[in-house]
PDB file of N, CA and C in Angstrom:
ATOM      1  N   MET A   1      62.429 132.275 118.235  1.00  0.00           N
ATOM      2  CA  MET A   1      62.673 133.016 119.519  1.00  0.00           C
ATOM      3  C   MET A   1      64.524 133.052 119.479  1.00  0.00           C
ATOM      4  N   THR A   2      64.627 133.930 120.327  1.00  0.00           N
ATOM      5  CA  THR A   2      66.023 134.335 120.510  1.00  0.00           C
ATOM      6  C   THR A   2      66.689 134.463 122.003  1.00  0.00           C
ATOM      7  N   THR A   3      67.666 134.650 122.180  1.00  0.00           N
ATOM      8  CA  THR A   3      68.390 134.439 123.698  1.00  0.00           C
ATOM      9  C   THR A   3      67.936 135.663 124.219  1.00  0.00           C
ATOM     10  N   LYS A   4      67.851 136.753 123.642  1.00  0.00           N
ATOM     11  CA  LYS A   4      66.964 137.791 123.976  1.00  0.00           C
ATOM     12  C   LYS A   4      65.691 137.832 124.767  1.00  0.00           C
ATOM     13  N   HIS A   5      64.844 136.832 123.916  1.00  0.00           N
ATOM     14  CA  HIS A   5      63.547 136.552 124.527  1.00  0.00           C
ATOM     15  C   HIS A   5      63.524 135.800 125.410  1.00  0.00           C
ATOM     16  N   PHE A   6      64.169 134.837 125.267  1.00  0.00           N
ATOM     17  CA  PHE A   6      64.440 133.750 126.840  1.00  0.00           C
ATOM     18  C   PHE A   6      64.921 134.765 127.816  1.00  0.00           C
ATOM     19  N   ARG A   7      65.752 135.562 127.706  1.00  0.00           N
ATOM     20  CA  ARG A   7      66.202 136.543 128.672  1.00  0.00           C
ATOM     21  C   ARG A   7      65.266 136.970 129.543  1.00  0.00           C
ATOM     22  N   ASN A   8      64.542 137.931 128.612  1.00  0.00           N
ATOM     23  CA  ASN A   8      63.493 138.696 129.049  1.00  0.00           C
ATOM     24  C   ASN A   8      62.563 138.063 129.629  1.00  0.00           C
ATOM     25  N   PHE A   9      62.019 136.981 129.273  1.00  0.00           N
ATOM     26  CA  PHE A   9      60.742 135.935 129.745  1.00  0.00           C
ATOM     27  C   PHE A   9      61.485 135.676 131.354  1.00  0.00           C
ATOM     28  N   PHE A  10      62.302 134.975 131.464  1.00  0.00           N
ATOM     29  CA  PHE A  10      62.972 134.810 132.607  1.00  0.00           C
ATOM     30  C   PHE A  10      63.112 135.862 133.401  1.00  0.00           C
ATOM     31  N   ASN A  11      63.731 136.787 133.149  1.00  0.00           N
ATOM     32  CA  ASN A  11      63.696 138.296 133.749  1.00  0.00           C
ATOM     33  C   ASN A  11      62.348 138.693 134.379  1.00  0.00           C
ATOM     34  N   SER A  12      61.316 138.621 133.460  1.00  0.00           N
ATOM     35  CA  SER A  12      60.087 138.870 134.258  1.00  0.00           C
ATOM     36  C   SER A  12      59.604 137.919 135.202  1.00  0.00           C
ATOM     37  N   ILE A  13      60.087 136.878 134.885  1.00  0.00           N
ATOM     38  CA  ILE A  13      59.492 135.919 135.988  1.00  0.00           C
ATOM     39  C   ILE A  13      60.285 136.331 137.630  1.00  0.00           C
ATOM     40  N   ARG A  14      61.888 136.382 137.365  1.00  0.00           N
ATOM     41  CA  ARG A  14      62.446 136.825 138.333  1.00  0.00           C
ATOM     42  C   ARG A  14      62.108 138.426 139.165  1.00  0.00           C
ATOM     43  N   SER A  15      62.198 139.129 138.056  1.00  0.00           N
ATOM     44  CA  SER A  15      62.425 140.515 138.504  1.00  0.00           C
ATOM     45  C   SER A  15      61.182 141.483 138.126  1.00  0.00           C
ATOM     46  N   GLY A  16      60.483 140.846 137.367  1.00  0.00           N
ATOM     47  CA  GLY A  16      59.291 141.983 137.214  1.00  0.00           C
ATOM     48  C   GLY A  16      59.482 142.619 136.067  1.00  0.00           C
ATOM     49  N   GLU A  17      60.539 142.153 135.356  1.00  0.00           N
ATOM     50  CA  GLU A  17      61.089 143.126 134.063  1.00  0.00           C
ATOM     51  C   GLU A  17      59.664 142.776 133.041  1.00  0.00           C
ATOM     52  N   VAL A  18      59.061 144.217 132.178  1.00  0.00           N
ATOM     53  CA  VAL A  18      58.324 144.192 131.610  1.00  0.00           C
ATOM     54  C   VAL A  18      58.506 142.877 130.377  1.00  0.00           C
ATOM     55  N   LEU A  19      57.715 142.462 130.008  1.00  0.00           N
ATOM     56  CA  LEU A  19      57.662 141.557 128.851  1.00  0.00           C
ATOM     57  C   LEU A  19      57.683 142.214 127.531  1.00  0.00           C
ATOM     58  N   ASN A  20      58.612 142.020 126.452  1.00  0.00           N
ATOM     59  CA  ASN A  20      58.631 142.415 125.422  1.00  0.00           C
ATOM     60  C   ASN A  20      57.245 142.004 124.361  1.00  0.00           C
ATOM     61  N   SER A  21      57.098 140.834 124.934  1.00  0.00           N
ATOM     62  CA  SER A  21      55.756 140.595 123.973  1.00  0.00           C
ATOM     63  C   SER A  21      54.809 139.856 125.022  1.00  0.00           C
ATOM     64  N   PRO A  22      53.712 140.646 125.234  1.00  0.00           N
ATOM     65  CA  PRO A  22      53.005 140.186 126.541  1.00  0.00           C
ATOM     66  C   PRO A  22      52.133 138.725 126.280  1.00  0.00           C
ATOM     67  N   ILE A  23      52.171 138.086 127.477  1.00  0.00           N
ATOM     68  CA  ILE A  23      51.661 136.652 127.350  1.00  0.00           C
ATOM     69  C   ILE A  23      50.449 136.776 126.570  1.00  0.00           C
ATOM     70  N   ASN A  24      49.452 137.410 127.138  1.00  0.00           N
ATOM     71  CA  ASN A  24      47.852 137.842 126.452  1.00  0.00           C
ATOM     72  C   ASN A  24      47.789 137.909 124.999  1.00  0.00           C
ATOM     73  N   ASP A  25      48.843 138.398 124.525  1.00  0.00           N
ATOM     74  CA  ASP A  25      48.596 138.686 123.001  1.00  0.00           C
ATOM     75  C   ASP A  25      49.282 137.201 122.519  1.00  0.00           C
ATOM     76  N   ALA A  26      50.602 136.571 123.043  1.00  0.00           N
ATOM     77  CA  ALA A  26      50.784 135.231 122.731  1.00  0.00           C
ATOM     78  C   ALA A  26      49.749 134.469 122.633  1.00  0.00           C
ATOM     79  N   VAL A  27      49.150 134.276 123.583  1.00  0.00           N
ATOM     80  CA  VAL A  27      47.751 133.487 123.745  1.00  0.00           C
ATOM     81  C   VAL A  27      46.650 133.509 122.632  1.00  0.00           C
ATOM     82  N   ILE A  28      46.370 134.719 122.390  1.00  0.00           N
ATOM     83  CA  ILE A  28      45.348 135.149 121.456  1.00  0.00           C
ATOM     84  C   ILE A  28      46.056 134.621 120.201  1.00  0.00           C
ATOM     85  N   SER A  29      47.010 134.640 119.702  1.00  0.00           N
ATOM     86  CA  SER A  29      47.601 134.690 118.512  1.00  0.00           C
ATOM     87  C   SER A  29      47.833 132.592 118.575  1.00  0.00           C
ATOM     88  N   GLN A  30      48.014 132.260 119.496  1.00  0.00           N
ATOM     89  CA  GLN A  30      48.425 130.788 119.499  1.00  0.00           C
ATOM     90  C   GLN A  30      47.035 130.173 119.370  1.00  0.00           C
ATOM     91  N   SER A  31      45.673 130.587 119.956  1.00  0.00           N
ATOM     92  CA  SER A  31      44.554 130.080 120.004  1.00  0.00           C
ATOM     93  C   SER A  31      44.038 130.163 118.590  1.00  0.00           C
ATOM     94  N   MET A  32      44.363 131.407 118.002  1.00  0.00           N
ATOM     95  CA  MET A  32      43.668 131.346 116.385  1.00  0.00           C
ATOM     96  C   MET A  32      44.130 130.205 115.459  1.00  0.00           C
ATOM     97  N   VAL A  33      45.617 130.129 115.770  1.00  0.00           N
ATOM     98  CA  VAL A  33      46.156 128.923 114.896  1.00  0.00           C
ATOM     99  C   VAL A  33      45.922 127.544 115.567  1.00  0.00           C
ATOM    100  N   HIS A  34      45.340 127.257 116.909  1.00  0.00           N
ATOM    101  CA  HIS A  34      44.765 125.969 116.973  1.00  0.00           C
ATOM    102  C   HIS A  34      43.135 125.816 116.388  1.00  0.00           C
ATOM    103  N   TYR A  35      42.559 127.184 116.750  1.00  0.00           N
ATOM    104  CA  TYR A  35      41.272 127.064 116.015  1.00  0.00           C
ATOM    105  C   TYR A  35      40.958 126.899 114.666  1.00  0.00           C
ATOM    106  N   ALA A  36      42.131 127.341 113.674  1.00  0.00           N
ATOM    107  CA  ALA A  36      42.497 127.074 112.293  1.00  0.00           C
ATOM    108  C   ALA A  36      42.552 125.566 111.893  1.00  0.00           C
ATOM    109  N   ASN A  37      43.694 125.005 112.772  1.00  0.00           N
ATOM    110  CA  ASN A  37      43.935 123.420 112.748  1.00  0.00           C
ATOM    111  C   ASN A  37      42.527 122.655 112.994  1.00  0.00           C
ATOM    112  N   LEU A  38      41.831 123.036 114.178  1.00  0.00           N
ATOM    113  CA  LEU A  38      40.810 122.387 114.517  1.00  0.00           C
ATOM    114  C   LEU A  38      39.686 122.050 113.166  1.00  0.00           C
ATOM    115  N   ALA A  39      39.442 123.636 112.679  1.00  0.00           N
ATOM    116  CA  ALA A  39      38.508 123.690 111.773  1.00  0.00           C
ATOM    117  C   ALA A  39      38.761 123.190 110.427  1.00  0.00           C
ATOM    118  N   HIS A  40      40.052 122.838 110.047  1.00  0.00           N
ATOM    119  CA  HIS A  40      40.734 122.294 109.078  1.00  0.00           C
ATOM    120  C   HIS A  40      40.521 120.632 109.186  1.00  0.00           C
ATOM    121  N   ARG A  41      40.823 120.099 110.595  1.00  0.00           N
ATOM    122  CA  ARG A  41      41.003 118.736 110.573  1.00  0.00           C
ATOM    123  C   ARG A  41      39.450 118.273 110.724  1.00  0.00           C
ATOM    124  N   SER A  42      38.415 119.065 111.198  1.00  0.00           N
ATOM    125  CA  SER A  42      37.000 118.607 111.553  1.00  0.00           C
ATOM    126  C   SER A  42      36.247 118.778 110.219  1.00  0.00           C
ATOM    127  N   GLY A  43      37.148 119.758 109.405  1.00  0.00           N
ATOM    128  CA  GLY A  43      36.045 119.718 108.038  1.00  0.00           C
ATOM    129  C   GLY A  43      34.896 120.620 108.155  1.00  0.00           C
ATOM    130  N   LYS A  44      34.708 121.655 109.504  1.00  0.00           N
ATOM    131  CA  LYS A  44      33.737 122.239 110.274  1.00  0.00           C
ATOM    132  C   LYS A  44      34.067 123.725 110.413  1.00  0.00           C
ATOM    133  N   SER A  45      33.085 124.545 110.631  1.00  0.00           N
ATOM    134  CA  SER A  45      33.281 125.708 111.200  1.00  0.00           C
ATOM    135  C   SER A  45      32.658 125.616 112.701  1.00  0.00           C
ATOM    136  N   PHE A  46      33.131 126.145 113.560  1.00  0.00           N
ATOM    137  CA  PHE A  46      32.451 126.250 114.963  1.00  0.00           C
ATOM    138  C   PHE A  46      32.642 127.691 115.425  1.00  0.00           C
ATOM    139  N   LYS A  47      31.829 127.737 116.519  1.00  0.00           N
ATOM    140  CA  LYS A  47      31.904 128.980 117.337  1.00  0.00           C
ATOM    141  C   LYS A  47      32.778 129.031 118.520  1.00  0.00           C
ATOM    142  N   ILE A  48      33.086 130.136 119.223  1.00  0.00           N
ATOM    143  CA  ILE A  48      34.040 130.556 120.085  1.00  0.00           C
ATOM    144  C   ILE A  48      33.530 131.751 120.935  1.00  0.00           C
ATOM    145  N   ASP A  49      33.321 131.415 122.410  1.00  0.00           N
ATOM    146  CA  ASP A  49      33.330 132.389 123.089  1.00  0.00           C
ATOM    147  C   ASP A  49      34.400 133.236 123.156  1.00  0.00           C
ATOM    148  N   SER A  50      34.070 134.688 122.687  1.00  0.00           N
ATOM    149  CA  SER A  50      34.928 135.629 122.602  1.00  0.00           C
ATOM    150  C   SER A  50      35.261 136.154 124.191  1.00  0.00           C
ATOM    151  N   ARG A  51      34.859 135.805 125.175  1.00  0.00           N
ATOM    152  CA  ARG A  51      35.045 136.237 126.482  1.00  0.00           C
ATOM    153  C   ARG A  51      35.897 135.343 126.974  1.00  0.00           C
ATOM    154  N   ASN A  52      36.042 134.028 126.675  1.00  0.00           N
ATOM    155  CA  ASN A  52      36.955 133.210 127.406  1.00  0.00           C
ATOM    156  C   ASN A  52      37.521 132.208 126.509  1.00  0.00           C
ATOM    157  N   GLY A  53      37.369 132.390 124.812  1.00  0.00           N
ATOM    158  CA  GLY A  53      38.248 131.700 124.030  1.00  0.00           C
ATOM    159  C   GLY A  53      37.697 129.740 124.117  1.00  0.00           C
ATOM    160  N   ASN A  54      36.437 129.801 124.520  1.00  0.00           N
ATOM    161  CA  ASN A  54      36.199 128.218 124.615  1.00  0.00           C
ATOM    162  C   ASN A  54      35.334 127.830 123.709  1.00  0.00           C
ATOM    163  N   ILE A  55      35.727 126.561 122.997  1.00  0.00           N
ATOM    164  CA  ILE A  55      34.940 126.156 121.614  1.00  0.00           C
ATOM    165  C   ILE A  55      33.617 125.784 122.312  1.00  0.00           C
ATOM    166  N   LEU A  56      32.368 126.324 121.585  1.00  0.00           N
ATOM    167  CA  LEU A  56      31.006 126.189 121.964  1.00  0.00           C
ATOM    168  C   LEU A  56      30.158 124.742 121.380  1.00  0.00           C
ATOM    169  N   ASP A  57      31.245 124.316 120.203  1.00  0.00           N
ATOM    170  CA  ASP A  57      30.631 123.214 119.837  1.00  0.00           C
ATOM    171  C   ASP A  57      31.251 121.894 120.659  1.00  0.00           C
ATOM    172  N   SER A  58      30.431 121.167 121.139  1.00  0.00           N
ATOM    173  CA  SER A  58      30.774 120.144 122.252  1.00  0.00           C
ATOM    174  C   SER A  58      31.489 119.181 121.281  1.00  0.00           C
ATOM    175  N   LYS A  59      30.865 118.727 120.169  1.00  0.00           N
ATOM    176  CA  LYS A  59      31.464 117.735 119.657  1.00  0.00           C
ATOM    177  C   LYS A  59      32.787 117.845 118.857  1.00  0.00           C
ATOM    178  N   ILE A  60      33.047 118.776 118.643  1.00  0.00           N
ATOM    179  CA  ILE A  60      34.526 119.114 118.117  1.00  0.00           C
ATOM    180  C   ILE A  60      35.672 119.406 119.206  1.00  0.00           C
ATOM    181  N   LYS A  61      34.782 120.211 120.369  1.00  0.00           N
ATOM    182  CA  LYS A  61      35.857 120.221 121.745  1.00  0.00           C
ATOM    183  C   LYS A  61      36.028 119.040 122.242  1.00  0.00           C
ATOM    184  N   LYS A  62      35.073 118.266 122.281  1.00  0.00           N
ATOM    185  CA  LYS A  62      35.480 116.650 122.749  1.00  0.00           C
ATOM    186  C   LYS A  62      36.493 115.686 121.903  1.00  0.00           C
ATOM    187  N   LYS A  63      36.450 115.679 120.794  1.00  0.00           N
ATOM    188  CA  LYS A  63      37.205 115.202 119.984  1.00  0.00           C
ATOM    189  C   LYS A  63      38.725 115.501 119.697  1.00  0.00           C
ATOM    190  N   PHE A  64      38.388 117.029 119.442  1.00  0.00           N
ATOM    191  CA  PHE A  64      39.706 117.551 119.040  1.00  0.00           C
ATOM    192  C   PHE A  64      40.595 118.222 120.203  1.00  0.00           C
ATOM    193  N   TRP A  65      39.937 118.848 121.433  1.00  0.00           N
ATOM    194  CA  TRP A  65      40.292 119.670 122.092  1.00  0.00           C
ATOM    195  C   TRP A  65      40.706 118.991 123.267  1.00  0.00           C
ATOM    196  N   SER A  66      40.612 117.669 123.604  1.00  0.00           N
ATOM    197  CA  SER A  66      40.832 116.845 124.873  1.00  0.00           C
ATOM    198  C   SER A  66      41.552 115.657 124.805  1.00  0.00           C
ATOM    199  N   ARG A  67      41.881 115.119 125.443  1.00  0.00           N
ATOM    200  CA  ARG A  67      42.693 113.867 125.333  1.00  0.00           C
ATOM    201  C   ARG A  67      42.671 113.047 126.595  1.00  0.00           C
ATOM    202  N   GLU A  68      42.877 111.756 126.345  1.00  0.00           N
ATOM    203  CA  GLU A  68      42.959 110.911 127.387  1.00  0.00           C
ATOM    204  C   GLU A  68      44.078 110.537 128.354  1.00  0.00           C
ATOM    205  N   TYR A  69      44.330 110.873 129.309  1.00  0.00           N
ATOM    206  CA  TYR A  69      45.631 110.739 130.097  1.00  0.00           C
ATOM    207  C   TYR A  69      45.965 109.273 130.419  1.00  0.00           C
ATOM    208  N   GLU A  70      47.123 108.942 130.510  1.00  0.00           N
ATOM    209  CA  GLU A  70      47.749 107.901 130.980  1.00  0.00           C
ATOM    210  C   GLU A  70      47.345 107.798 132.473  1.00  0.00           C
ATOM    211  N   LYS A  71      47.542 106.329 132.905  1.00  0.00           N
ATOM    212  CA  LYS A  71      46.926 106.039 134.113  1.00  0.00           C
ATOM    213  C   LYS A  71      48.036 106.943 135.150  1.00  0.00           C
ATOM    214  N   GLY A  72      47.170 107.283 136.146  1.00  0.00           N
ATOM    215  CA  GLY A  72      48.055 108.094 137.289  1.00  0.00           C
ATOM    216  C   GLY A  72      48.301 109.300 137.186  1.00  0.00           C
ATOM    217  N   TRP A  73      48.080 110.009 135.553  1.00  0.00           N
ATOM    218  CA  TRP A  73      48.298 111.066 135.206  1.00  0.00           C
ATOM    219  C   TRP A  73      47.084 111.926 135.006  1.00  0.00           C
ATOM    220  N   ASN A  74      45.911 111.720 135.682  1.00  0.00           N
ATOM    221  CA  ASN A  74      44.678 112.482 135.592  1.00  0.00           C
ATOM    222  C   ASN A  74      44.624 113.908 136.218  1.00  0.00           C
ATOM    223  N   LEU A  75      43.972 114.762 135.371  1.00  0.00           N
ATOM    224  CA  LEU A  75      43.723 115.942 136.177  1.00  0.00           C
ATOM    225  C   LEU A  75      42.622 116.021 137.141  1.00  0.00           C
ATOM    226  N   ASN A  76      42.483 116.138 138.275  1.00  0.00           N
ATOM    227  CA  ASN A  76      41.448 116.284 139.313  1.00  0.00           C
ATOM    228  C   ASN A  76      41.007 117.838 139.549  1.00  0.00           C
ATOM    229  N   PHE A  77      40.091 118.258 139.266  1.00  0.00           N
ATOM    230  CA  PHE A  77      39.685 119.606 139.474  1.00  0.00           C
ATOM    231  C   PHE A  77      39.110 119.688 140.821  1.00  0.00           C
ATOM    232  N   VAL A  78      39.423 120.702 141.576  1.00  0.00           N
ATOM    233  CA  VAL A  78      39.003 120.854 142.981  1.00  0.00           C
ATOM    234  C   VAL A  78      38.089 121.990 142.724  1.00  0.00           C
TER     235      VAL A  78
END
């Protein structure tokens, strides 16, 4: 990342400037890296819901895609 990338990102938040690298593209790229890491660490392949990127194998999802939060930092979904 360069200063120009950061400037572009903050300008997009402040003024609506078009991002040089769209967030959706970055999410897809980073998700692929995470999926590969999970497959390597678990030693198994798994299926992904192509509509939302969710891992369909609940054992892998529970073991690697979640974490226990420190007391007082729990996420409460409404």
